[in-house]
């Protein structure tokens, strides 16, 4: 699809037809990324998107252990007394 850049103050913009926006899943906020010879407009992903899947995969692969071993403290040396 060919279109023109339009002036918006000191900047330029592109009018994107509604059907194209809907097909691409673009709403109010988008992410712009510079690539060689162009600009990519992507739907903004929610924060932490994909973290649950990545954690499940790490667990399946046995790669979800603590990085540091536990360090004993003075609380480990004596029985606790609840008052």
PDB file of N, CA and C in Angstrom:
ATOM      1  N   UNK A   1       0.849  -1.173   0.000  1.00  0.00           N
ATOM      2  CA  UNK A   1       0.000   0.000   0.000  1.00  0.00           C
ATOM      3  C   UNK A   1       0.895   1.235   0.000  1.00  0.00           C
ATOM      4  N   UNK A   2       0.650   2.124  -0.887  1.00  0.00           N
ATOM      5  CA  UNK A   2       1.428   3.352  -0.987  1.00  0.00           C
ATOM      6  C   UNK A   2       0.643   4.478  -0.320  1.00  0.00           C
ATOM      7  N   UNK A   3       1.353   5.308   0.438  1.00  0.00           N
ATOM      8  CA  UNK A   3       0.727   6.460   1.102  1.00  0.00           C
ATOM      9  C   UNK A   3       1.752   7.576   1.169  1.00  0.00           C
ATOM     10  N   UNK A   4       1.339   8.704   1.710  1.00  0.00           N
ATOM     11  CA  UNK A   4       2.239   9.867   1.801  1.00  0.00           C
ATOM     12  C   UNK A   4       2.454  10.237   3.253  1.00  0.00           C
ATOM     13  N   UNK A   5       3.601  10.853   3.521  1.00  0.00           N
ATOM     14  CA  UNK A   5       3.853  11.439   4.835  1.00  0.00           C
ATOM     15  C   UNK A   5       3.135  12.775   4.905  1.00  0.00           C
ATOM     16  N   UNK A   6       2.486  13.045   6.034  1.00  0.00           N
ATOM     17  CA  UNK A   6       1.785  14.315   6.220  1.00  0.00           C
ATOM     18  C   UNK A   6       2.466  15.105   7.330  1.00  0.00           C
ATOM     19  N   UNK A   7       2.416  16.412   7.219  1.00  0.00           N
ATOM     20  CA  UNK A   7       3.012  17.272   8.246  1.00  0.00           C
ATOM     21  C   UNK A   7       2.125  17.306   9.485  1.00  0.00           C
ATOM     22  N   UNK A   8       2.774  17.160  10.641  1.00  0.00           N
ATOM     23  CA  UNK A   8       2.111  17.303  11.937  1.00  0.00           C
ATOM     24  C   UNK A   8       3.044  18.164  12.782  1.00  0.00           C
ATOM     25  N   UNK A   9       2.833  19.474  12.764  1.00  0.00           N
ATOM     26  CA  UNK A   9       3.757  20.387  13.441  1.00  0.00           C
ATOM     27  C   UNK A   9       5.116  20.305  12.772  1.00  0.00           C
ATOM     28  N   UNK A  10       6.169  20.077  13.580  1.00  0.00           N
ATOM     29  CA  UNK A  10       7.520  19.930  13.041  1.00  0.00           C
ATOM     30  C   UNK A  10       7.834  18.490  12.663  1.00  0.00           C
ATOM     31  N   UNK A  11       6.888  17.601  12.852  1.00  0.00           N
ATOM     32  CA  UNK A  11       7.096  16.177  12.582  1.00  0.00           C
ATOM     33  C   UNK A  11       6.354  15.762  11.321  1.00  0.00           C
ATOM     34  N   UNK A  12       6.410  14.488  11.025  1.00  0.00           N
ATOM     35  CA  UNK A  12       5.667  13.912   9.914  1.00  0.00           C
ATOM     36  C   UNK A  12       4.906  12.702  10.442  1.00  0.00           C
ATOM     37  N   UNK A  13       3.814  12.367   9.797  1.00  0.00           N
ATOM     38  CA  UNK A  13       3.009  11.225  10.202  1.00  0.00           C
ATOM     39  C   UNK A  13       2.500  10.458   8.998  1.00  0.00           C
ATOM     40  N   UNK A  14       1.940   9.303   9.286  1.00  0.00           N
ATOM     41  CA  UNK A  14       1.360   8.450   8.259  1.00  0.00           C
ATOM     42  C   UNK A  14      -0.064   8.135   8.683  1.00  0.00           C
ATOM     43  N   UNK A  15      -1.017   8.285   7.787  1.00  0.00           N
ATOM     44  CA  UNK A  15      -2.398   7.885   8.064  1.00  0.00           C
ATOM     45  C   UNK A  15      -2.526   6.413   7.716  1.00  0.00           C
ATOM     46  N   UNK A  16      -2.953   5.622   8.710  1.00  0.00           N
ATOM     47  CA  UNK A  16      -3.087   4.182   8.501  1.00  0.00           C
ATOM     48  C   UNK A  16      -4.573   3.854   8.467  1.00  0.00           C
ATOM     49  N   UNK A  17      -5.050   3.244   7.405  1.00  0.00           N
ATOM     50  CA  UNK A  17      -6.475   2.914   7.306  1.00  0.00           C
ATOM     51  C   UNK A  17      -6.934   1.989   8.437  1.00  0.00           C
ATOM     52  N   UNK A  18      -8.170   2.184   8.879  1.00  0.00           N
ATOM     53  CA  UNK A  18      -8.733   1.434  10.001  1.00  0.00           C
ATOM     54  C   UNK A  18      -8.645  -0.083   9.806  1.00  0.00           C
ATOM     55  N   UNK A  19      -9.000  -0.630   8.635  1.00  0.00           N
ATOM     56  CA  UNK A  19      -8.899  -2.085   8.475  1.00  0.00           C
ATOM     57  C   UNK A  19      -7.479  -2.618   8.689  1.00  0.00           C
ATOM     58  N   UNK A  20      -6.485  -1.839   8.259  1.00  0.00           N
ATOM     59  CA  UNK A  20      -5.093  -2.237   8.441  1.00  0.00           C
ATOM     60  C   UNK A  20      -4.720  -2.226   9.918  1.00  0.00           C
ATOM     61  N   UNK A  21      -5.179  -1.202  10.647  1.00  0.00           N
ATOM     62  CA  UNK A  21      -4.930  -1.127  12.087  1.00  0.00           C
ATOM     63  C   UNK A  21      -5.539  -2.326  12.802  1.00  0.00           C
ATOM     64  N   UNK A  22      -6.761  -2.676  12.441  1.00  0.00           N
ATOM     65  CA  UNK A  22      -7.440  -3.802  13.074  1.00  0.00           C
ATOM     66  C   UNK A  22      -6.720  -5.118  12.777  1.00  0.00           C
ATOM     67  N   UNK A  23      -6.331  -5.327  11.536  1.00  0.00           N
ATOM     68  CA  UNK A  23      -5.637  -6.568  11.173  1.00  0.00           C
ATOM     69  C   UNK A  23      -4.293  -6.698  11.883  1.00  0.00           C
ATOM     70  N   UNK A  24      -3.621  -5.583  12.097  1.00  0.00           N
ATOM     71  CA  UNK A  24      -2.317  -5.604  12.748  1.00  0.00           C
ATOM     72  C   UNK A  24      -2.430  -5.628  14.270  1.00  0.00           C
ATOM     73  N   UNK A  25      -3.639  -5.387  14.802  1.00  0.00           N
ATOM     74  CA  UNK A  25      -3.825  -5.365  16.254  1.00  0.00           C
ATOM     75  C   UNK A  25      -3.245  -4.127  16.903  1.00  0.00           C
ATOM     76  N   UNK A  26      -3.177  -3.023  16.162  1.00  0.00           N
ATOM     77  CA  UNK A  26      -2.637  -1.779  16.705  1.00  0.00           C
ATOM     78  C   UNK A  26      -3.747  -0.971  17.351  1.00  0.00           C
ATOM     79  N   UNK A  27      -3.464  -0.475  18.561  1.00  0.00           N
ATOM     80  CA  UNK A  27      -4.459   0.338  19.264  1.00  0.00           C
ATOM     81  C   UNK A  27      -3.869   1.701  19.572  1.00  0.00           C
ATOM     82  N   UNK A  28      -3.948   2.137  20.826  1.00  0.00           N
ATOM     83  CA  UNK A  28      -3.524   3.488  21.179  1.00  0.00           C
ATOM     84  C   UNK A  28      -2.002   3.661  21.236  1.00  0.00           C
ATOM     85  N   UNK A  29      -1.296   2.694  21.814  1.00  0.00           N
ATOM     86  CA  UNK A  29       0.153   2.818  21.937  1.00  0.00           C
ATOM     87  C   UNK A  29       0.830   1.781  21.058  1.00  0.00           C
ATOM     88  N   UNK A  30       1.892   2.203  20.382  1.00  0.00           N
ATOM     89  CA  UNK A  30       2.653   1.311  19.517  1.00  0.00           C
ATOM     90  C   UNK A  30       4.135   1.443  19.837  1.00  0.00           C
ATOM     91  N   UNK A  31       4.900   0.517  19.348  1.00  0.00           N
ATOM     92  CA  UNK A  31       6.351   0.523  19.518  1.00  0.00           C
ATOM     93  C   UNK A  31       6.969   0.753  18.142  1.00  0.00           C
ATOM     94  N   UNK A  32       7.838   1.760  18.016  1.00  0.00           N
ATOM     95  CA  UNK A  32       8.539   2.047  16.761  1.00  0.00           C
ATOM     96  C   UNK A  32       9.953   1.500  16.850  1.00  0.00           C
ATOM     97  N   UNK A  33      10.383   0.843  15.780  1.00  0.00           N
ATOM     98  CA  UNK A  33      11.715   0.256  15.743  1.00  0.00           C
ATOM     99  C   UNK A  33      12.345   0.590  14.405  1.00  0.00           C
ATOM    100  N   UNK A  34      13.565   1.063  14.443  1.00  0.00           N
ATOM    101  CA  UNK A  34      14.294   1.420  13.227  1.00  0.00           C
ATOM    102  C   UNK A  34      14.975   0.181  12.659  1.00  0.00           C
ATOM    103  N   UNK A  35      14.762  -0.075  11.381  1.00  0.00           N
ATOM    104  CA  UNK A  35      15.436  -1.164  10.672  1.00  0.00           C
ATOM    105  C   UNK A  35      16.110  -0.559   9.452  1.00  0.00           C
ATOM    106  N   UNK A  36      17.019  -1.304   8.858  1.00  0.00           N
ATOM    107  CA  UNK A  36      17.728  -0.777   7.691  1.00  0.00           C
ATOM    108  C   UNK A  36      16.718  -0.447   6.594  1.00  0.00           C
ATOM    109  N   UNK A  37      16.648   0.809   6.226  1.00  0.00           N
ATOM    110  CA  UNK A  37      15.769   1.245   5.159  1.00  0.00           C
ATOM    111  C   UNK A  37      14.329   1.493   5.564  1.00  0.00           C
ATOM    112  N   UNK A  38      14.022   1.492   6.870  1.00  0.00           N
ATOM    113  CA  UNK A  38      12.635   1.732   7.236  1.00  0.00           C
ATOM    114  C   UNK A  38      12.377   1.796   8.729  1.00  0.00           C
ATOM    115  N   UNK A  39      11.109   1.866   9.051  1.00  0.00           N
ATOM    116  CA  UNK A  39      10.628   1.922  10.432  1.00  0.00           C
ATOM    117  C   UNK A  39       9.537   0.868  10.566  1.00  0.00           C
ATOM    118  N   UNK A  40       9.607   0.065  11.626  1.00  0.00           N
ATOM    119  CA  UNK A  40       8.594  -0.950  11.893  1.00  0.00           C
ATOM    120  C   UNK A  40       7.690  -0.437  13.001  1.00  0.00           C
ATOM    121  N   UNK A  41       6.383  -0.543  12.800  1.00  0.00           N
ATOM    122  CA  UNK A  41       5.397  -0.177  13.817  1.00  0.00           C
ATOM    123  C   UNK A  41       4.823  -1.475  14.362  1.00  0.00           C
ATOM    124  N   UNK A  42       4.967  -1.701  15.671  1.00  0.00           N
ATOM    125  CA  UNK A  42       4.485  -2.930  16.290  1.00  0.00           C
ATOM    126  C   UNK A  42       3.526  -2.612  17.425  1.00  0.00           C
ATOM    127  N   UNK A  43       2.617  -3.547  17.692  1.00  0.00           N
ATOM    128  CA  UNK A  43       1.717  -3.394  18.826  1.00  0.00           C
ATOM    129  C   UNK A  43       2.544  -3.388  20.104  1.00  0.00           C
ATOM    130  N   UNK A  44       2.189  -2.532  21.034  1.00  0.00           N
ATOM    131  CA  UNK A  44       2.882  -2.468  22.314  1.00  0.00           C
ATOM    132  C   UNK A  44       2.514  -3.711  23.110  1.00  0.00           C
ATOM    133  N   UNK A  45       3.506  -4.450  23.564  1.00  0.00           N
ATOM    134  CA  UNK A  45       3.266  -5.664  24.339  1.00  0.00           C
ATOM    135  C   UNK A  45       3.126  -5.303  25.817  1.00  0.00           C
ATOM    136  N   UNK A  46       2.257  -6.004  26.521  1.00  0.00           N
ATOM    137  CA  UNK A  46       2.126  -5.728  27.959  1.00  0.00           C
ATOM    138  C   UNK A  46       3.447  -6.015  28.673  1.00  0.00           C
ATOM    139  N   UNK A  47       3.692  -5.292  29.761  1.00  0.00           N
ATOM    140  CA  UNK A  47       4.889  -5.529  30.559  1.00  0.00           C
ATOM    141  C   UNK A  47       4.897  -6.975  31.023  1.00  0.00           C
ATOM    142  N   UNK A  48       6.064  -7.576  31.009  1.00  0.00           N
ATOM    143  CA  UNK A  48       6.276  -8.953  31.445  1.00  0.00           C
ATOM    144  C   UNK A  48       5.565  -9.981  30.566  1.00  0.00           C
ATOM    145  N   UNK A  49       5.233  -9.597  29.361  1.00  0.00           N
ATOM    146  CA  UNK A  49       4.605 -10.542  28.433  1.00  0.00           C
ATOM    147  C   UNK A  49       5.565 -11.694  28.173  1.00  0.00           C
ATOM    148  N   UNK A  50       5.082 -12.911  28.289  1.00  0.00           N
ATOM    149  CA  UNK A  50       5.887 -14.088  28.024  1.00  0.00           C
ATOM    150  C   UNK A  50       6.693 -14.597  29.199  1.00  0.00           C
ATOM    151  N   UNK A  51       6.664 -13.894  30.339  1.00  0.00           N
ATOM    152  CA  UNK A  51       7.456 -14.319  31.488  1.00  0.00           C
ATOM    153  C   UNK A  51       6.975 -15.661  32.036  1.00  0.00           C
ATOM    154  N   UNK A  52       5.670 -15.883  32.098  1.00  0.00           N
ATOM    155  CA  UNK A  52       5.144 -17.131  32.650  1.00  0.00           C
ATOM    156  C   UNK A  52       5.610 -18.319  31.799  1.00  0.00           C
ATOM    157  N   UNK A  53       5.556 -18.165  30.488  1.00  0.00           N
ATOM    158  CA  UNK A  53       5.989 -19.233  29.600  1.00  0.00           C
ATOM    159  C   UNK A  53       7.487 -19.488  29.745  1.00  0.00           C
ATOM    160  N   UNK A  54       8.271 -18.417  29.871  1.00  0.00           N
ATOM    161  CA  UNK A  54       9.719 -18.564  30.021  1.00  0.00           C
ATOM    162  C   UNK A  54      10.058 -19.248  31.346  1.00  0.00           C
ATOM    163  N   UNK A  55       9.332 -18.927  32.415  1.00  0.00           N
ATOM    164  CA  UNK A  55       9.570 -19.560  33.715  1.00  0.00           C
ATOM    165  C   UNK A  55       9.212 -21.042  33.660  1.00  0.00           C
ATOM    166  N   UNK A  56       8.099 -21.374  32.990  1.00  0.00           N
ATOM    167  CA  UNK A  56       7.698 -22.778  32.864  1.00  0.00           C
ATOM    168  C   UNK A  56       8.741 -23.559  32.070  1.00  0.00           C
ATOM    169  N   UNK A  57       9.271 -22.981  31.010  1.00  0.00           N
ATOM    170  CA  UNK A  57      10.291 -23.635  30.207  1.00  0.00           C
ATOM    171  C   UNK A  57      11.572 -23.828  31.019  1.00  0.00           C
ATOM    172  N   UNK A  58      11.971 -22.823  31.782  1.00  0.00           N
ATOM    173  CA  UNK A  58      13.164 -22.934  32.624  1.00  0.00           C
ATOM    174  C   UNK A  58      12.981 -24.054  33.653  1.00  0.00           C
ATOM    175  N   UNK A  59      11.775 -24.172  34.211  1.00  0.00           N
ATOM    176  CA  UNK A  59      11.493 -25.224  35.183  1.00  0.00           C
ATOM    177  C   UNK A  59      11.593 -26.602  34.526  1.00  0.00           C
ATOM    178  N   UNK A  60      11.028 -26.744  33.338  1.00  0.00           N
ATOM    179  CA  UNK A  60      11.086 -28.016  32.610  1.00  0.00           C
ATOM    180  C   UNK A  60      12.529 -28.422  32.320  1.00  0.00           C
ATOM    181  N   UNK A  61      13.376 -27.446  32.034  1.00  0.00           N
ATOM    182  CA  UNK A  61      14.769 -27.723  31.704  1.00  0.00           C
ATOM    183  C   UNK A  61      15.662 -27.781  32.929  1.00  0.00           C
ATOM    184  N   UNK A  62      15.066 -27.610  34.126  1.00  0.00           N
ATOM    185  CA  UNK A  62      15.850 -27.659  35.359  1.00  0.00           C
ATOM    186  C   UNK A  62      16.754 -26.458  35.541  1.00  0.00           C
ATOM    187  N   UNK A  63      16.402 -25.360  34.924  1.00  0.00           N
ATOM    188  CA  UNK A  63      17.238 -24.156  34.963  1.00  0.00           C
ATOM    189  C   UNK A  63      16.580 -23.063  35.800  1.00  0.00           C
ATOM    190  N   UNK A  64      15.888 -23.463  36.866  1.00  0.00           N
ATOM    191  CA  UNK A  64      15.183 -22.466  37.677  1.00  0.00           C
ATOM    192  C   UNK A  64      15.643 -22.479  39.130  1.00  0.00           C
ATOM    193  N   UNK A  65      16.865 -22.943  39.361  1.00  0.00           N
ATOM    194  CA  UNK A  65      17.396 -22.970  40.732  1.00  0.00           C
ATOM    195  C   UNK A  65      17.916 -21.607  41.152  1.00  0.00           C
ATOM    196  N   UNK A  66      18.230 -21.504  42.444  1.00  0.00           N
ATOM    197  CA  UNK A  66      18.797 -20.263  42.972  1.00  0.00           C
ATOM    198  C   UNK A  66      20.214 -20.070  42.436  1.00  0.00           C
ATOM    199  N   UNK A  67      20.586 -18.846  42.182  1.00  0.00           N
ATOM    200  CA  UNK A  67      21.933 -18.561  41.696  1.00  0.00           C
ATOM    201  C   UNK A  67      22.949 -18.667  42.823  1.00  0.00           C
ATOM    202  N   UNK A  68      22.564 -18.245  44.019  1.00  0.00           N
ATOM    203  CA  UNK A  68      23.436 -18.309  45.188  1.00  0.00           C
ATOM    204  C   UNK A  68      22.869 -19.329  46.158  1.00  0.00           C
ATOM    205  N   UNK A  69      23.753 -20.038  46.853  1.00  0.00           N
ATOM    206  CA  UNK A  69      23.301 -20.955  47.895  1.00  0.00           C
ATOM    207  C   UNK A  69      22.760 -20.161  49.078  1.00  0.00           C
ATOM    208  N   UNK A  70      22.059 -20.853  49.950  1.00  0.00           N
ATOM    209  CA  UNK A  70      21.530 -20.141  51.117  1.00  0.00           C
ATOM    210  C   UNK A  70      22.652 -19.905  52.114  1.00  0.00           C
ATOM    211  N   UNK A  71      22.614 -18.787  52.793  1.00  0.00           N
ATOM    212  CA  UNK A  71      23.611 -18.432  53.790  1.00  0.00           C
ATOM    213  C   UNK A  71      22.950 -18.473  55.166  1.00  0.00           C
ATOM    214  N   UNK A  72      23.511 -19.269  56.100  1.00  0.00           N
ATOM    215  CA  UNK A  72      22.894 -19.351  57.431  1.00  0.00           C
ATOM    216  C   UNK A  72      22.976 -18.010  58.160  1.00  0.00           C
ATOM    217  N   UNK A  73      21.997 -17.770  59.004  1.00  0.00           N
ATOM    218  CA  UNK A  73      21.971 -16.562  59.829  1.00  0.00           C
ATOM    219  C   UNK A  73      21.859 -16.986  61.293  1.00  0.00           C
ATOM    220  N   UNK A  74      21.907 -16.021  62.194  1.00  0.00           N
ATOM    221  CA  UNK A  74      21.801 -16.362  63.615  1.00  0.00           C
ATOM    222  C   UNK A  74      20.417 -16.925  63.954  1.00  0.00           C
ATOM    223  N   UNK A  75      19.432 -16.693  63.115  1.00  0.00           N
ATOM    224  CA  UNK A  75      18.099 -17.247  63.339  1.00  0.00           C
ATOM    225  C   UNK A  75      18.100 -18.764  63.135  1.00  0.00           C
ATOM    226  N   UNK A  76      19.050 -19.284  62.368  1.00  0.00           N
ATOM    227  CA  UNK A  76      19.130 -20.721  62.121  1.00  0.00           C
ATOM    228  C   UNK A  76      19.825 -21.460  63.257  1.00  0.00           C
ATOM    229  N   UNK A  77      20.504 -20.751  64.139  1.00  0.00           N
ATOM    230  CA  UNK A  77      21.333 -21.391  65.174  1.00  0.00           C
ATOM    231  C   UNK A  77      20.556 -21.724  66.439  1.00  0.00           C
ATOM    232  N   UNK A  78      19.429 -21.116  66.666  1.00  0.00           N
ATOM    233  CA  UNK A  78      18.686 -21.363  67.902  1.00  0.00           C
ATOM    234  C   UNK A  78      17.208 -21.550  67.584  1.00  0.00           C
ATOM    235  N   UNK A  79      16.526 -22.233  68.489  1.00  0.00           N
ATOM    236  CA  UNK A  79      15.084 -22.401  68.310  1.00  0.00           C
ATOM    237  C   UNK A  79      14.392 -21.058  68.518  1.00  0.00           C
ATOM    238  N   UNK A  80      13.346 -20.854  67.787  1.00  0.00           N
ATOM    239  CA  UNK A  80      12.569 -19.628  67.939  1.00  0.00           C
ATOM    240  C   UNK A  80      11.619 -19.811  69.100  1.00  0.00           C
ATOM    241  N   UNK A  81      11.405 -18.717  69.788  1.00  0.00           N
ATOM    242  CA  UNK A  81      10.427 -18.727  70.880  1.00  0.00           C
ATOM    243  C   UNK A  81       9.365 -17.699  70.580  1.00  0.00           C
ATOM    244  N   UNK A  82       8.139 -18.184  70.415  1.00  0.00           N
ATOM    245  CA  UNK A  82       7.030 -17.288  70.094  1.00  0.00           C
ATOM    246  C   UNK A  82       6.431 -16.772  71.388  1.00  0.00           C
ATOM    247  N   UNK A  83       6.244 -15.486  71.454  1.00  0.00           N
ATOM    248  CA  UNK A  83       5.655 -14.907  72.677  1.00  0.00           C
ATOM    249  C   UNK A  83       4.357 -14.206  72.355  1.00  0.00           C
TER     250      UNK A  83
END
